[in-house]
Amino acid sequence: MSGGDVWIVGTDMTKVARYPDKDVVDLGSQVAFGAFEDASMTIDDVQVLAVGNAYESNSGIAQRIQKQIGQTGIPAYNVFNACATGATAVRTVIMAIRAGEADAGLAIGAEQMGKMGLLGGAAENKGERKVYSPKGRYGSVLPIEGNLGTGLMPGVFAQAGMEYALAHGVTREQFAKVAEKNHRHSALNPLAQYQKVFTLQEILDAEEISYPNTLPMCCPTGDGAASVIIVSAAKLATLDPDVRRRAVKISASVLTTDPWTESDLVQPDVNTLTRQAAAKAYEVAGVGPDDLDLVELHDCFASAELLHYDNLGLCEPGGAGDFIDSGAPTRDGSIPVNVSGGLLSKGHPIGSTGVANLYEVATHLRGEAGDRQVEGARVGLAHVIGLGSACAIHILEKAAV
């Protein structure tokens, strides 16, 4: 790909909720029109569309949304990449612009999940087992889910959190402080699915889902959509001065997958690919963790957020427990993390999340985040990780144009 700066000039997001009277096309179309209005553009101004969606990705969701927002014949991509789906749709548009195939593109993440329940894992054979022959790619004889490891999301991130806790002396209270912080942050975010504040003791006393995570330490499912319009530097120069004033630069866009690690043979390794993505993103953007004014990271569980403090270099190696104790990741701290309320309270419509994180960071860099505004924010990082695995990191900057 050729180089060249790319910029967000329009963005929009729905409230995360449950929408029984709308479908994914309605939600995706709503944020598309919102982004066009925000950027003072129309569908005729973009040359590429990418739509991230997990649970209807085989239904041509991008083309279905086109039928609502304008069929101009441009290429449309249907993107699925686990929880990194929305961020991968954004990268699809970025790559088209940097390849010279477009000077403006629209990326949408949209999802309708409702009360879907636990994700991941494998179905057990409930019937009587009479044949014990190796079967499938891995020569399995019997299902192993729950007997030898787990693919259920609460178990995966509980195990990852406990490995870190045992290695570095993290307590359950420190994990719970992550949830207490994010629920408190969500009270200032009108787009969050929940805006309920919990005390630390209420979180610790709640129903246990998978130790160390209780119910308020686990993200809810829900419905929602978010969008960004991205343009090249050359296109930006032709736009209205007010659009240029509010533009946000994408200084780094990085996507990684799992390298081979011994531990990955038993349980997903959520750490290594995040560390590698962060190192590459900082190198590309020419910034470091100390330059960040805010971070939106993938807190599908409280244990996940604490791990990623370390993985993203926000704290000293092994120091994530001390980091949360210090208050550094609070809205008024030195590196605010998940000021939106995070997935724990903002919600986690899978296809939308990667784009919603960019919406949140860009809104702060524009100085338009209202009561939750991080004052003077100029550099922010958005992070998502989907098991399988895929990790996407974007670094955004408010820069003079």
Protein backbone atom coordinates (compact mmCIF):
# COMPACT_ATOMS: atom_id res chain seq x y z
CA MET A 1 0.00 0.00 0.00
CA SER A 2 1.06 3.54 -0.59
CA GLY A 3 1.37 5.83 2.40
CA GLY A 4 -0.56 8.97 3.14
CA ASP A 5 -2.54 10.25 6.06
CA VAL A 6 -6.19 9.29 6.50
CA TRP A 7 -8.75 11.23 8.51
CA ILE A 8 -12.10 10.68 10.19
CA VAL A 9 -14.43 13.49 9.11
CA GLY A 10 -17.78 12.05 10.13
CA THR A 11 -18.97 9.63 12.78
CA ASP A 12 -22.18 8.56 14.48
CA MET A 13 -23.40 5.99 16.99
CA THR A 14 -26.71 4.71 18.29
CA LYS A 15 -27.45 4.18 21.94
CA VAL A 16 -26.72 0.55 22.78
CA ALA A 17 -30.05 -0.98 23.76
CA ARG A 18 -32.52 -3.55 22.51
CA TYR A 19 -34.51 -2.56 19.45
CA PRO A 20 -37.37 -5.02 18.88
CA ASP A 21 -38.95 -2.72 16.27
CA LYS A 22 -35.75 -2.30 14.22
CA ASP A 23 -33.38 -4.63 12.41
CA VAL A 24 -29.66 -4.45 11.59
CA VAL A 25 -30.36 -2.63 8.33
CA ASP A 26 -32.30 0.06 10.20
CA LEU A 27 -29.49 0.53 12.74
CA GLY A 28 -26.74 0.57 10.11
CA SER A 29 -28.63 2.98 7.88
CA GLN A 30 -29.29 5.32 10.80
CA VAL A 31 -25.61 5.74 11.62
CA ALA A 32 -24.68 6.02 7.93
CA PHE A 33 -26.97 9.01 7.52
CA GLY A 34 -25.71 10.41 10.82
CA ALA A 35 -22.10 10.23 9.66
CA PHE A 36 -22.96 11.84 6.32
CA GLU A 37 -24.64 14.71 8.13
CA ASP A 38 -21.70 15.05 10.51
CA ALA A 39 -19.27 15.28 7.57
CA SER A 40 -21.51 17.38 5.31
CA MET A 41 -21.26 14.61 2.70
CA THR A 42 -23.57 12.16 0.92
CA ILE A 43 -23.30 8.62 -0.41
CA ASP A 44 -22.18 10.11 -3.73
CA ASP A 45 -18.99 11.35 -2.04
CA VAL A 46 -17.68 7.91 -1.00
CA GLN A 47 -16.16 5.24 -3.20
CA VAL A 48 -16.07 2.26 -0.84
CA LEU A 49 -18.31 0.80 1.85
CA ALA A 50 -17.41 -1.81 4.48
CA VAL A 51 -19.91 -3.18 7.00
CA GLY A 52 -18.91 -5.21 10.03
CA ASN A 53 -21.49 -7.66 11.35
CA ALA A 54 -21.17 -11.00 13.13
CA TYR A 55 -24.53 -12.71 13.17
CA GLU A 56 -25.89 -11.78 9.73
CA SER A 57 -22.59 -11.49 7.89
CA ASN A 58 -23.62 -14.13 5.34
CA SER A 59 -26.75 -12.19 4.39
CA GLY A 60 -25.11 -9.45 2.30
CA ILE A 61 -25.69 -6.88 5.02
CA ALA A 62 -23.53 -4.26 3.25
CA GLN A 63 -25.63 -4.53 0.09
CA ARG A 64 -28.84 -4.48 2.11
CA ILE A 65 -27.77 -1.26 3.80
CA GLN A 66 -26.85 0.18 0.39
CA LYS A 67 -30.45 -0.27 -0.69
CA GLN A 68 -31.46 2.10 2.11
CA ILE A 69 -28.71 4.73 1.86
CA GLY A 70 -28.07 4.80 -1.90
CA GLN A 71 -27.02 2.27 -4.54
CA THR A 72 -24.20 4.02 -6.35
CA GLY A 73 -22.41 0.89 -7.56
CA ILE A 74 -19.39 1.26 -5.30
CA PRO A 75 -17.63 -1.83 -3.90
CA ALA A 76 -19.16 -3.09 -0.67
CA TYR A 77 -17.45 -5.46 1.75
CA ASN A 78 -19.14 -7.71 4.29
CA VAL A 79 -16.70 -8.12 7.17
CA PHE A 80 -16.56 -10.61 10.04
CA ASN A 81 -13.59 -10.96 12.39
CA ALA A 82 -15.01 -11.94 15.79
CA CYS A 83 -15.04 -9.00 18.24
CA ALA A 84 -12.58 -7.16 15.96
CA THR A 85 -15.23 -7.11 13.20
CA GLY A 86 -16.00 -3.37 13.24
CA ALA A 87 -12.36 -2.36 13.50
CA THR A 88 -11.54 -4.65 10.57
CA ALA A 89 -14.24 -2.94 8.49
CA VAL A 90 -12.52 0.36 9.27
CA ARG A 91 -9.19 -1.09 8.16
CA THR A 92 -10.81 -2.27 4.92
CA VAL A 93 -11.75 1.31 4.09
CA ILE A 94 -8.34 2.62 5.15
CA MET A 95 -6.56 0.12 2.90
CA ALA A 96 -8.73 1.04 -0.08
CA ILE A 97 -7.87 4.72 0.39
CA ARG A 98 -4.16 4.08 0.87
CA ALA A 99 -4.15 1.83 -2.18
CA GLY A 100 -5.44 4.75 -4.24
CA GLU A 101 -8.78 3.10 -5.05
CA ALA A 102 -10.82 5.68 -3.15
CA ASP A 103 -10.42 9.08 -1.55
CA ALA A 104 -13.36 8.65 0.81
CA GLY A 105 -15.10 5.64 2.34
CA LEU A 106 -17.75 4.68 4.87
CA ALA A 107 -17.25 2.00 7.54
CA ILE A 108 -20.20 0.74 9.59
CA GLY A 109 -20.43 -1.71 12.45
CA ALA A 110 -23.92 -2.97 13.21
CA GLU A 111 -25.31 -5.79 15.33
CA GLN A 112 -28.55 -7.03 16.80
CA MET A 113 -27.95 -9.57 19.55
CA GLY A 114 -30.75 -9.16 22.07
CA LYS A 115 -30.43 -11.57 25.00
CA MET A 116 -28.15 -14.00 23.24
CA GLY A 117 -26.54 -15.47 26.34
CA LEU A 118 -23.06 -16.97 26.73
CA LEU A 119 -20.89 -17.00 23.62
CA GLY A 120 -18.28 -19.54 22.56
CA GLY A 121 -17.67 -23.10 23.64
CA ALA A 122 -18.82 -26.26 21.94
CA ALA A 123 -22.00 -28.27 22.25
CA GLU A 124 -21.79 -31.45 24.29
CA ASN A 125 -23.09 -34.76 22.98
CA LYS A 126 -26.04 -35.46 25.27
CA GLY A 127 -26.76 -38.92 23.86
CA GLU A 128 -25.24 -42.23 24.87
CA ARG A 129 -21.74 -42.61 23.44
CA LYS A 130 -21.20 -45.95 21.70
CA VAL A 131 -18.38 -45.20 19.25
CA TYR A 132 -14.97 -44.00 20.42
CA SER A 133 -13.22 -43.42 17.09
CA PRO A 134 -11.02 -40.37 16.44
CA LYS A 135 -12.96 -37.82 14.45
CA GLY A 136 -12.39 -34.40 12.92
CA ARG A 137 -9.29 -32.30 12.34
CA TYR A 138 -7.87 -32.90 15.81
CA GLY A 139 -8.79 -36.56 16.14
CA SER A 140 -11.14 -35.95 19.06
CA VAL A 141 -12.84 -38.93 20.66
CA LEU A 142 -15.05 -37.08 23.16
CA PRO A 143 -16.09 -33.44 23.59
CA ILE A 144 -13.66 -31.62 25.86
CA GLU A 145 -15.62 -28.43 26.58
CA GLY A 146 -15.62 -27.87 30.32
CA ASN A 147 -13.56 -30.98 30.93
CA LEU A 148 -10.26 -29.87 29.43
CA GLY A 149 -10.30 -26.07 29.12
CA THR A 150 -13.19 -24.01 27.81
CA GLY A 151 -14.10 -21.87 24.84
CA LEU A 152 -16.88 -20.07 26.70
CA MET A 153 -15.97 -16.40 26.99
CA PRO A 154 -16.38 -16.07 30.78
CA GLY A 155 -14.10 -19.04 31.33
CA VAL A 156 -11.44 -17.89 28.86
CA PHE A 157 -11.06 -14.45 30.40
CA ALA A 158 -11.37 -15.73 33.95
CA GLN A 159 -8.51 -18.12 33.31
CA ALA A 160 -6.40 -15.40 31.69
CA GLY A 161 -7.07 -13.08 34.61
CA MET A 162 -6.17 -15.71 37.22
CA GLU A 163 -2.91 -16.54 35.47
CA TYR A 164 -1.97 -12.85 35.71
CA ALA A 165 -3.19 -12.65 39.30
CA LEU A 166 -1.09 -15.62 40.39
CA ALA A 167 1.98 -14.25 38.62
CA HIS A 168 1.69 -10.68 39.91
CA GLY A 169 -0.30 -10.77 43.12
CA VAL A 170 -3.52 -9.20 41.82
CA THR A 171 -6.53 -9.46 44.15
CA ARG A 172 -10.19 -9.98 43.35
CA GLU A 173 -10.89 -6.50 44.70
CA GLN A 174 -8.53 -5.01 42.11
CA PHE A 175 -10.42 -6.79 39.32
CA ALA A 176 -13.69 -5.52 40.79
CA LYS A 177 -12.36 -1.95 40.85
CA VAL A 178 -12.26 -2.07 37.04
CA ALA A 179 -16.00 -2.74 36.93
CA GLU A 180 -16.74 -0.16 39.60
CA LYS A 181 -14.86 2.45 37.53
CA ASN A 182 -16.54 1.62 34.23
CA HIS A 183 -20.06 1.53 35.64
CA ARG A 184 -19.37 4.90 37.27
CA HIS A 185 -18.13 6.28 33.94
CA SER A 186 -21.25 5.05 32.13
CA ALA A 187 -23.48 7.28 34.25
CA LEU A 188 -22.16 10.21 32.18
CA ASN A 189 -22.70 8.53 28.78
CA PRO A 190 -26.23 8.81 27.34
CA LEU A 191 -25.38 6.21 24.67
CA ALA A 192 -24.44 3.51 27.19
CA GLN A 193 -26.73 0.52 27.52
CA TYR A 194 -26.65 0.80 31.30
CA GLN A 195 -25.97 3.85 33.46
CA LYS A 196 -26.16 2.24 36.88
CA VAL A 197 -23.46 2.94 39.45
CA PHE A 198 -22.36 0.06 41.70
CA THR A 199 -20.34 0.14 44.88
CA LEU A 200 -17.28 -2.09 45.05
CA GLN A 201 -18.99 -4.28 47.64
CA GLU A 202 -22.09 -4.69 45.48
CA ILE A 203 -19.89 -5.92 42.64
CA LEU A 204 -18.03 -8.36 44.88
CA ASP A 205 -21.28 -9.69 46.38
CA ALA A 206 -23.06 -10.16 43.03
CA GLU A 207 -23.69 -13.51 41.36
CA GLU A 208 -20.43 -15.20 40.43
CA ILE A 209 -20.17 -16.03 36.73
CA SER A 210 -16.60 -17.32 36.49
CA TYR A 211 -14.12 -16.44 39.25
CA PRO A 212 -12.94 -13.71 39.62
CA ASN A 213 -15.76 -12.14 37.55
CA THR A 214 -19.21 -11.55 39.01
CA LEU A 215 -22.18 -10.45 36.90
CA PRO A 216 -21.38 -6.69 36.90
CA MET A 217 -17.85 -7.63 35.78
CA CYS A 218 -19.21 -9.18 32.54
CA CYS A 219 -20.38 -7.25 29.48
CA PRO A 220 -24.02 -7.49 28.35
CA THR A 221 -25.24 -8.34 24.88
CA GLY A 222 -27.30 -5.74 23.05
CA ASP A 223 -28.11 -4.00 19.77
CA GLY A 224 -26.35 -1.02 18.25
CA ALA A 225 -24.42 0.51 15.39
CA ALA A 226 -21.64 3.01 14.78
CA SER A 227 -20.02 4.54 11.71
CA VAL A 228 -17.05 6.56 10.49
CA ILE A 229 -16.35 8.37 7.23
CA ILE A 230 -12.66 8.29 6.35
CA VAL A 231 -10.94 10.44 3.73
CA SER A 232 -7.47 10.91 2.29
CA ALA A 233 -5.42 14.01 3.05
CA ALA A 234 -6.00 15.24 -0.50
CA LYS A 235 -9.75 14.88 -0.12
CA LEU A 236 -9.68 16.56 3.29
CA ALA A 237 -8.05 19.65 1.76
CA THR A 238 -11.13 20.13 -0.46
CA LEU A 239 -13.70 20.00 2.33
CA ASP A 240 -15.41 22.79 4.23
CA PRO A 241 -13.15 24.53 6.79
CA ASP A 242 -15.40 23.47 9.67
CA VAL A 243 -15.14 19.82 8.59
CA ARG A 244 -11.36 20.17 8.45
CA ARG A 245 -11.33 21.76 11.91
CA ARG A 246 -13.12 18.77 13.41
CA ALA A 247 -11.16 16.12 11.47
CA VAL A 248 -9.32 13.44 13.44
CA LYS A 249 -6.20 11.79 12.06
CA ILE A 250 -5.82 8.00 12.11
CA SER A 251 -2.11 7.79 12.91
CA ALA A 252 -1.96 3.99 13.12
CA SER A 253 -4.18 1.09 12.11
CA VAL A 254 -2.81 -2.31 13.06
CA LEU A 255 -4.31 -5.81 12.93
CA THR A 256 -2.61 -8.90 14.38
CA THR A 257 -3.43 -12.57 14.83
CA ASP A 258 -2.05 -15.18 17.20
CA PRO A 259 1.61 -16.04 16.93
CA TRP A 260 2.40 -19.56 18.10
CA THR A 261 2.66 -19.84 21.87
CA GLU A 262 2.70 -23.01 23.94
CA SER A 263 -0.14 -21.82 26.16
CA ASP A 264 -2.36 -21.28 23.11
CA LEU A 265 -2.55 -25.06 22.68
CA VAL A 266 -4.78 -25.24 25.76
CA GLN A 267 -6.44 -21.84 26.19
CA PRO A 268 -6.59 -18.78 23.89
CA ASP A 269 -3.68 -16.40 24.48
CA VAL A 270 -5.28 -12.94 24.66
CA ASN A 271 -2.03 -11.22 25.57
CA THR A 272 0.69 -11.80 22.98
CA LEU A 273 -1.17 -10.56 19.90
CA THR A 274 -2.27 -7.44 21.83
CA ARG A 275 1.30 -6.70 22.91
CA GLN A 276 2.50 -7.08 19.32
CA ALA A 277 -0.30 -4.88 17.97
CA ALA A 278 0.43 -2.17 20.53
CA ALA A 279 4.16 -2.17 19.81
CA LYS A 280 3.51 -1.84 16.08
CA ALA A 281 0.87 0.88 16.52
CA TYR A 282 3.12 2.99 18.73
CA GLU A 283 5.94 2.62 16.19
CA VAL A 284 3.76 3.60 13.24
CA ALA A 285 2.15 6.57 15.02
CA GLY A 286 5.40 7.79 16.56
CA VAL A 287 3.85 7.98 20.03
CA GLY A 288 4.10 5.97 23.24
CA PRO A 289 1.74 5.07 26.06
CA ASP A 290 2.72 8.21 27.97
CA ASP A 291 1.38 10.33 25.08
CA LEU A 292 -2.14 8.90 25.32
CA ASP A 293 -4.88 11.13 26.70
CA LEU A 294 -7.52 8.37 26.71
CA VAL A 295 -7.94 4.70 25.82
CA GLU A 296 -10.99 2.67 24.83
CA LEU A 297 -9.98 -0.96 25.27
CA HIS A 298 -11.74 -4.30 25.06
CA ASP A 299 -13.13 -4.90 28.55
CA CYS A 300 -15.48 -7.78 27.73
CA PHE A 301 -14.76 -8.81 31.34
CA ALA A 302 -13.16 -6.86 34.17
CA SER A 303 -10.25 -9.32 34.14
CA ALA A 304 -9.64 -8.49 30.45
CA GLU A 305 -9.28 -4.76 31.07
CA LEU A 306 -6.76 -5.28 33.83
CA LEU A 307 -4.66 -7.56 31.59
CA HIS A 308 -4.68 -5.02 28.79
CA TYR A 309 -3.30 -2.24 31.01
CA ASP A 310 -0.12 -4.31 30.92
CA ASN A 311 -0.45 -5.48 27.30
CA LEU A 312 -0.84 -1.90 26.03
CA GLY A 313 2.06 -0.62 28.11
CA LEU A 314 -0.12 1.65 30.23
CA CYS A 315 1.61 0.42 33.38
CA GLU A 316 4.88 -1.17 34.38
CA PRO A 317 5.17 -4.90 33.51
CA GLY A 318 3.23 -6.81 36.14
CA GLY A 319 1.85 -3.59 37.59
CA ALA A 320 -1.79 -3.66 36.45
CA GLY A 321 -3.10 -4.14 39.98
CA ASP A 322 -1.21 -1.11 41.26
CA PHE A 323 -2.37 0.83 38.19
CA ILE A 324 -6.06 0.41 38.99
CA ASP A 325 -5.38 1.15 42.68
CA SER A 326 -3.67 4.42 41.73
CA GLY A 327 -6.76 5.81 40.00
CA ALA A 328 -4.77 6.40 36.79
CA PRO A 329 -7.44 4.87 34.47
CA THR A 330 -10.31 6.93 35.89
CA ARG A 331 -11.78 9.82 33.90
CA ASP A 332 -9.75 12.31 35.93
CA GLY A 333 -6.64 10.12 36.08
CA SER A 334 -3.41 10.26 34.13
CA ILE A 335 -4.56 7.79 31.39
CA PRO A 336 -8.38 7.57 31.39
CA VAL A 337 -9.57 4.16 30.22
CA ASN A 338 -13.10 3.39 28.99
CA VAL A 339 -14.62 6.75 29.84
CA SER A 340 -17.60 5.57 27.77
CA GLY A 341 -18.37 2.94 30.41
CA GLY A 342 -16.59 0.32 28.35
CA LEU A 343 -18.18 -2.87 27.16
CA LEU A 344 -19.10 -3.66 30.77
CA SER A 345 -21.69 -0.89 30.81
CA LYS A 346 -21.80 0.74 27.37
CA GLY A 347 -22.55 -2.71 25.94
CA HIS A 348 -21.00 -5.01 23.35
CA PRO A 349 -22.95 -5.45 20.09
CA ILE A 350 -20.08 -7.42 18.54
CA GLY A 351 -20.03 -6.01 15.00
CA SER A 352 -20.42 -2.46 16.26
CA THR A 353 -17.83 -2.37 19.03
CA GLY A 354 -14.68 -1.70 17.00
CA VAL A 355 -16.29 1.30 15.30
CA ALA A 356 -17.99 2.51 18.49
CA ASN A 357 -14.58 2.73 20.19
CA LEU A 358 -13.37 5.01 17.39
CA TYR A 359 -16.51 7.11 17.71
CA GLU A 360 -15.80 7.57 21.42
CA VAL A 361 -12.15 8.51 21.02
CA ALA A 362 -12.84 10.84 18.09
CA THR A 363 -15.64 12.57 20.03
CA HIS A 364 -13.23 13.37 22.88
CA LEU A 365 -10.51 14.59 20.50
CA ARG A 366 -13.10 16.91 18.96
CA GLY A 367 -13.99 18.20 22.43
CA GLU A 368 -17.62 17.12 21.97
CA ALA A 369 -18.06 14.44 24.65
CA GLY A 370 -20.18 16.54 27.00
CA ASP A 371 -20.17 15.65 30.69
CA ARG A 372 -17.69 12.80 30.19
CA GLN A 373 -15.19 14.91 28.20
CA VAL A 374 -11.51 14.28 28.88
CA GLU A 375 -10.25 17.84 28.88
CA GLY A 376 -7.54 18.71 26.38
CA ALA A 377 -7.50 15.26 24.79
CA ARG A 378 -5.32 15.17 21.67
CA VAL A 379 -4.19 11.53 21.32
CA GLY A 380 -6.28 8.42 21.92
CA LEU A 381 -6.10 4.67 21.38
CA ALA A 382 -8.90 2.24 20.49
CA HIS A 383 -8.37 -1.49 21.01
CA VAL A 384 -10.45 -4.62 20.35
CA ILE A 385 -9.67 -8.31 20.49
CA GLY A 386 -11.73 -11.17 19.12
CA LEU A 387 -10.94 -14.75 20.03
CA GLY A 388 -9.71 -16.92 17.23
CA SER A 389 -7.86 -14.53 17.44
CA ALA A 390 -7.68 -11.00 16.01
CA CYS A 391 -6.52 -7.79 17.67
CA ALA A 392 -7.02 -4.34 16.15
CA ILE A 393 -5.53 -1.10 17.45
CA HIS A 394 -6.10 2.38 16.08
CA ILE A 395 -4.34 5.49 17.33
CA LEU A 396 -6.14 8.78 16.67
CA GLU A 397 -4.79 12.31 16.90
CA LYS A 398 -6.32 15.73 16.87
CA ALA A 399 -3.84 17.50 14.62
CA ALA A 400 -3.68 20.86 12.87
CA VAL A 401 -4.76 20.72 9.22
